[in-house]
Protein backbone atom coordinates (compact mmCIF):
# COMPACT_ATOMS: atom_id res chain seq x y z
CA UNK A 1 0.00 0.00 0.00
CA UNK A 2 1.21 3.52 -0.70
CA UNK A 3 1.10 6.63 1.43
CA UNK A 4 1.77 10.11 0.07
CA UNK A 5 3.49 12.51 2.44
CA UNK A 6 4.03 16.22 1.90
CA UNK A 7 5.14 19.14 4.01
CA UNK A 8 8.67 17.96 4.77
CA UNK A 9 11.73 20.18 4.12
CA UNK A 10 13.10 20.05 0.58
CA UNK A 11 16.52 18.82 1.78
CA UNK A 12 15.02 15.67 3.31
CA UNK A 13 16.46 12.42 1.98
CA UNK A 14 14.59 9.24 1.12
CA UNK A 15 16.51 7.48 3.91
CA UNK A 16 15.35 10.05 6.49
CA UNK A 17 11.74 9.49 5.46
CA UNK A 18 12.22 5.72 5.65
CA UNK A 19 13.70 5.97 9.16
CA UNK A 20 10.95 8.32 10.36
CA UNK A 21 8.19 6.02 9.13
CA UNK A 22 9.82 2.98 10.67
CA UNK A 23 9.52 4.81 14.03
CA UNK A 24 5.74 4.75 13.43
CA UNK A 25 5.94 0.99 13.01
CA UNK A 26 5.82 0.93 9.21
CA UNK A 27 7.68 -1.67 7.17
CA UNK A 28 8.86 0.53 4.30
CA UNK A 29 9.64 -1.21 1.01
CA UNK A 30 10.39 1.91 -1.08
CA UNK A 31 10.44 5.71 -0.95
CA UNK A 32 10.29 8.04 -3.94
CA UNK A 33 10.45 11.83 -3.56
CA UNK A 34 8.86 13.88 -6.32
CA UNK A 35 10.47 17.34 -6.37
CA UNK A 36 8.69 20.51 -7.30
CA UNK A 37 9.72 24.05 -8.17
CA UNK A 38 7.96 24.98 -4.93
CA UNK A 39 9.91 23.34 -2.08
CA UNK A 40 6.71 23.25 0.01
CA UNK A 41 5.15 20.95 -2.59
CA UNK A 42 7.61 18.04 -2.46
CA UNK A 43 5.77 14.73 -2.12
CA UNK A 44 7.14 11.40 -0.98
CA UNK A 45 5.35 8.29 -2.16
CA UNK A 46 6.10 5.55 0.32
CA UNK A 47 5.29 1.90 -0.27
CA UNK A 48 4.52 0.18 3.02
CA UNK A 49 4.08 -3.53 3.57
CA UNK A 50 0.61 -3.47 5.12
CA UNK A 51 -3.08 -3.84 4.36
CA UNK A 52 -5.68 -1.06 3.96
CA UNK A 53 -6.33 -0.76 7.68
CA UNK A 54 -2.62 -0.60 8.50
CA UNK A 55 -2.10 2.04 5.82
CA UNK A 56 -4.92 4.13 7.25
CA UNK A 57 -3.57 3.87 10.80
CA UNK A 58 -0.04 4.85 9.77
CA UNK A 59 -1.30 7.76 7.62
CA UNK A 60 -3.37 9.02 10.57
CA UNK A 61 -0.33 8.81 12.88
CA UNK A 62 1.78 10.81 10.43
CA UNK A 63 -0.82 13.39 9.41
CA UNK A 64 -0.35 16.62 11.36
CA UNK A 65 2.92 15.52 12.97
CA UNK A 66 5.59 18.21 13.17
CA UNK A 67 8.87 16.85 11.83
CA UNK A 68 12.02 18.93 11.31
CA UNK A 69 9.93 22.03 12.05
CA UNK A 70 7.32 21.27 9.37
CA UNK A 71 3.78 19.91 9.69
CA UNK A 72 3.33 16.75 7.63
CA UNK A 73 0.30 15.82 5.57
CA UNK A 74 -0.24 12.14 4.81
CA UNK A 75 -2.81 10.34 2.72
CA UNK A 76 -3.19 6.67 1.86
CA UNK A 77 -3.51 5.70 -1.79
CA UNK A 78 -5.89 2.81 -2.23
CA UNK A 79 -5.55 2.74 -5.99
CA UNK A 80 -1.76 2.33 -6.29
C-alpha atoms as a PDB file:
ATOM      1  CA  UNK A   1       0.000   0.000   0.000  1.00  0.00           C
ATOM      2  CA  UNK A   2       1.206   3.516  -0.702  1.00  0.00           C
ATOM      3  CA  UNK A   3       1.104   6.627   1.431  1.00  0.00           C
ATOM      4  CA  UNK A   4       1.766  10.106   0.068  1.00  0.00           C
ATOM      5  CA  UNK A   5       3.486  12.510   2.444  1.00  0.00           C
ATOM      6  CA  UNK A   6       4.028  16.218   1.901  1.00  0.00           C
ATOM      7  CA  UNK A   7       5.142  19.139   4.012  1.00  0.00           C
ATOM      8  CA  UNK A   8       8.668  17.964   4.771  1.00  0.00           C
ATOM      9  CA  UNK A   9      11.730  20.180   4.118  1.00  0.00           C
ATOM     10  CA  UNK A  10      13.105  20.052   0.581  1.00  0.00           C
ATOM     11  CA  UNK A  11      16.517  18.821   1.775  1.00  0.00           C
ATOM     12  CA  UNK A  12      15.020  15.666   3.313  1.00  0.00           C
ATOM     13  CA  UNK A  13      16.462  12.418   1.982  1.00  0.00           C
ATOM     14  CA  UNK A  14      14.588   9.236   1.123  1.00  0.00           C
ATOM     15  CA  UNK A  15      16.514   7.482   3.906  1.00  0.00           C
ATOM     16  CA  UNK A  16      15.354  10.054   6.494  1.00  0.00           C
ATOM     17  CA  UNK A  17      11.738   9.488   5.461  1.00  0.00           C
ATOM     18  CA  UNK A  18      12.224   5.724   5.647  1.00  0.00           C
ATOM     19  CA  UNK A  19      13.704   5.969   9.158  1.00  0.00           C
ATOM     20  CA  UNK A  20      10.953   8.321  10.362  1.00  0.00           C
ATOM     21  CA  UNK A  21       8.190   6.015   9.134  1.00  0.00           C
ATOM     22  CA  UNK A  22       9.824   2.980  10.675  1.00  0.00           C
ATOM     23  CA  UNK A  23       9.522   4.811  14.025  1.00  0.00           C
ATOM     24  CA  UNK A  24       5.738   4.747  13.429  1.00  0.00           C
ATOM     25  CA  UNK A  25       5.943   0.987  13.013  1.00  0.00           C
ATOM     26  CA  UNK A  26       5.816   0.935   9.211  1.00  0.00           C
ATOM     27  CA  UNK A  27       7.678  -1.670   7.174  1.00  0.00           C
ATOM     28  CA  UNK A  28       8.858   0.527   4.297  1.00  0.00           C
ATOM     29  CA  UNK A  29       9.645  -1.210   1.006  1.00  0.00           C
ATOM     30  CA  UNK A  30      10.390   1.913  -1.083  1.00  0.00           C
ATOM     31  CA  UNK A  31      10.444   5.705  -0.952  1.00  0.00           C
ATOM     32  CA  UNK A  32      10.288   8.038  -3.939  1.00  0.00           C
ATOM     33  CA  UNK A  33      10.450  11.825  -3.557  1.00  0.00           C
ATOM     34  CA  UNK A  34       8.864  13.879  -6.318  1.00  0.00           C
ATOM     35  CA  UNK A  35      10.466  17.338  -6.372  1.00  0.00           C
ATOM     36  CA  UNK A  36       8.686  20.513  -7.303  1.00  0.00           C
ATOM     37  CA  UNK A  37       9.721  24.050  -8.172  1.00  0.00           C
ATOM     38  CA  UNK A  38       7.961  24.984  -4.934  1.00  0.00           C
ATOM     39  CA  UNK A  39       9.908  23.341  -2.081  1.00  0.00           C
ATOM     40  CA  UNK A  40       6.715  23.251   0.010  1.00  0.00           C
ATOM     41  CA  UNK A  41       5.153  20.951  -2.585  1.00  0.00           C
ATOM     42  CA  UNK A  42       7.608  18.035  -2.458  1.00  0.00           C
ATOM     43  CA  UNK A  43       5.767  14.729  -2.118  1.00  0.00           C
ATOM     44  CA  UNK A  44       7.142  11.403  -0.975  1.00  0.00           C
ATOM     45  CA  UNK A  45       5.355   8.289  -2.163  1.00  0.00           C
ATOM     46  CA  UNK A  46       6.104   5.550   0.323  1.00  0.00           C
ATOM     47  CA  UNK A  47       5.285   1.897  -0.269  1.00  0.00           C
ATOM     48  CA  UNK A  48       4.516   0.178   3.019  1.00  0.00           C
ATOM     49  CA  UNK A  49       4.083  -3.531   3.573  1.00  0.00           C
ATOM     50  CA  UNK A  50       0.609  -3.475   5.118  1.00  0.00           C
ATOM     51  CA  UNK A  51      -3.075  -3.843   4.363  1.00  0.00           C
ATOM     52  CA  UNK A  52      -5.681  -1.057   3.960  1.00  0.00           C
ATOM     53  CA  UNK A  53      -6.329  -0.758   7.681  1.00  0.00           C
ATOM     54  CA  UNK A  54      -2.616  -0.598   8.500  1.00  0.00           C
ATOM     55  CA  UNK A  55      -2.099   2.040   5.823  1.00  0.00           C
ATOM     56  CA  UNK A  56      -4.919   4.132   7.246  1.00  0.00           C
ATOM     57  CA  UNK A  57      -3.573   3.869  10.802  1.00  0.00           C
ATOM     58  CA  UNK A  58      -0.042   4.853   9.767  1.00  0.00           C
ATOM     59  CA  UNK A  59      -1.296   7.764   7.618  1.00  0.00           C
ATOM     60  CA  UNK A  60      -3.371   9.024  10.568  1.00  0.00           C
ATOM     61  CA  UNK A  61      -0.334   8.807  12.881  1.00  0.00           C
ATOM     62  CA  UNK A  62       1.782  10.810  10.431  1.00  0.00           C
ATOM     63  CA  UNK A  63      -0.819  13.392   9.406  1.00  0.00           C
ATOM     64  CA  UNK A  64      -0.349  16.616  11.364  1.00  0.00           C
ATOM     65  CA  UNK A  65       2.919  15.518  12.971  1.00  0.00           C
ATOM     66  CA  UNK A  66       5.590  18.208  13.170  1.00  0.00           C
ATOM     67  CA  UNK A  67       8.875  16.853  11.833  1.00  0.00           C
ATOM     68  CA  UNK A  68      12.021  18.926  11.307  1.00  0.00           C
ATOM     69  CA  UNK A  69       9.933  22.027  12.046  1.00  0.00           C
ATOM     70  CA  UNK A  70       7.316  21.271   9.371  1.00  0.00           C
ATOM     71  CA  UNK A  71       3.777  19.911   9.694  1.00  0.00           C
ATOM     72  CA  UNK A  72       3.333  16.749   7.630  1.00  0.00           C
ATOM     73  CA  UNK A  73       0.300  15.817   5.571  1.00  0.00           C
ATOM     74  CA  UNK A  74      -0.243  12.138   4.809  1.00  0.00           C
ATOM     75  CA  UNK A  75      -2.813  10.340   2.721  1.00  0.00           C
ATOM     76  CA  UNK A  76      -3.185   6.670   1.863  1.00  0.00           C
ATOM     77  CA  UNK A  77      -3.506   5.700  -1.789  1.00  0.00           C
ATOM     78  CA  UNK A  78      -5.893   2.806  -2.229  1.00  0.00           C
ATOM     79  CA  UNK A  79      -5.546   2.741  -5.992  1.00  0.00           C
ATOM     80  CA  UNK A  80      -1.756   2.325  -6.291  1.00  0.00           C
END
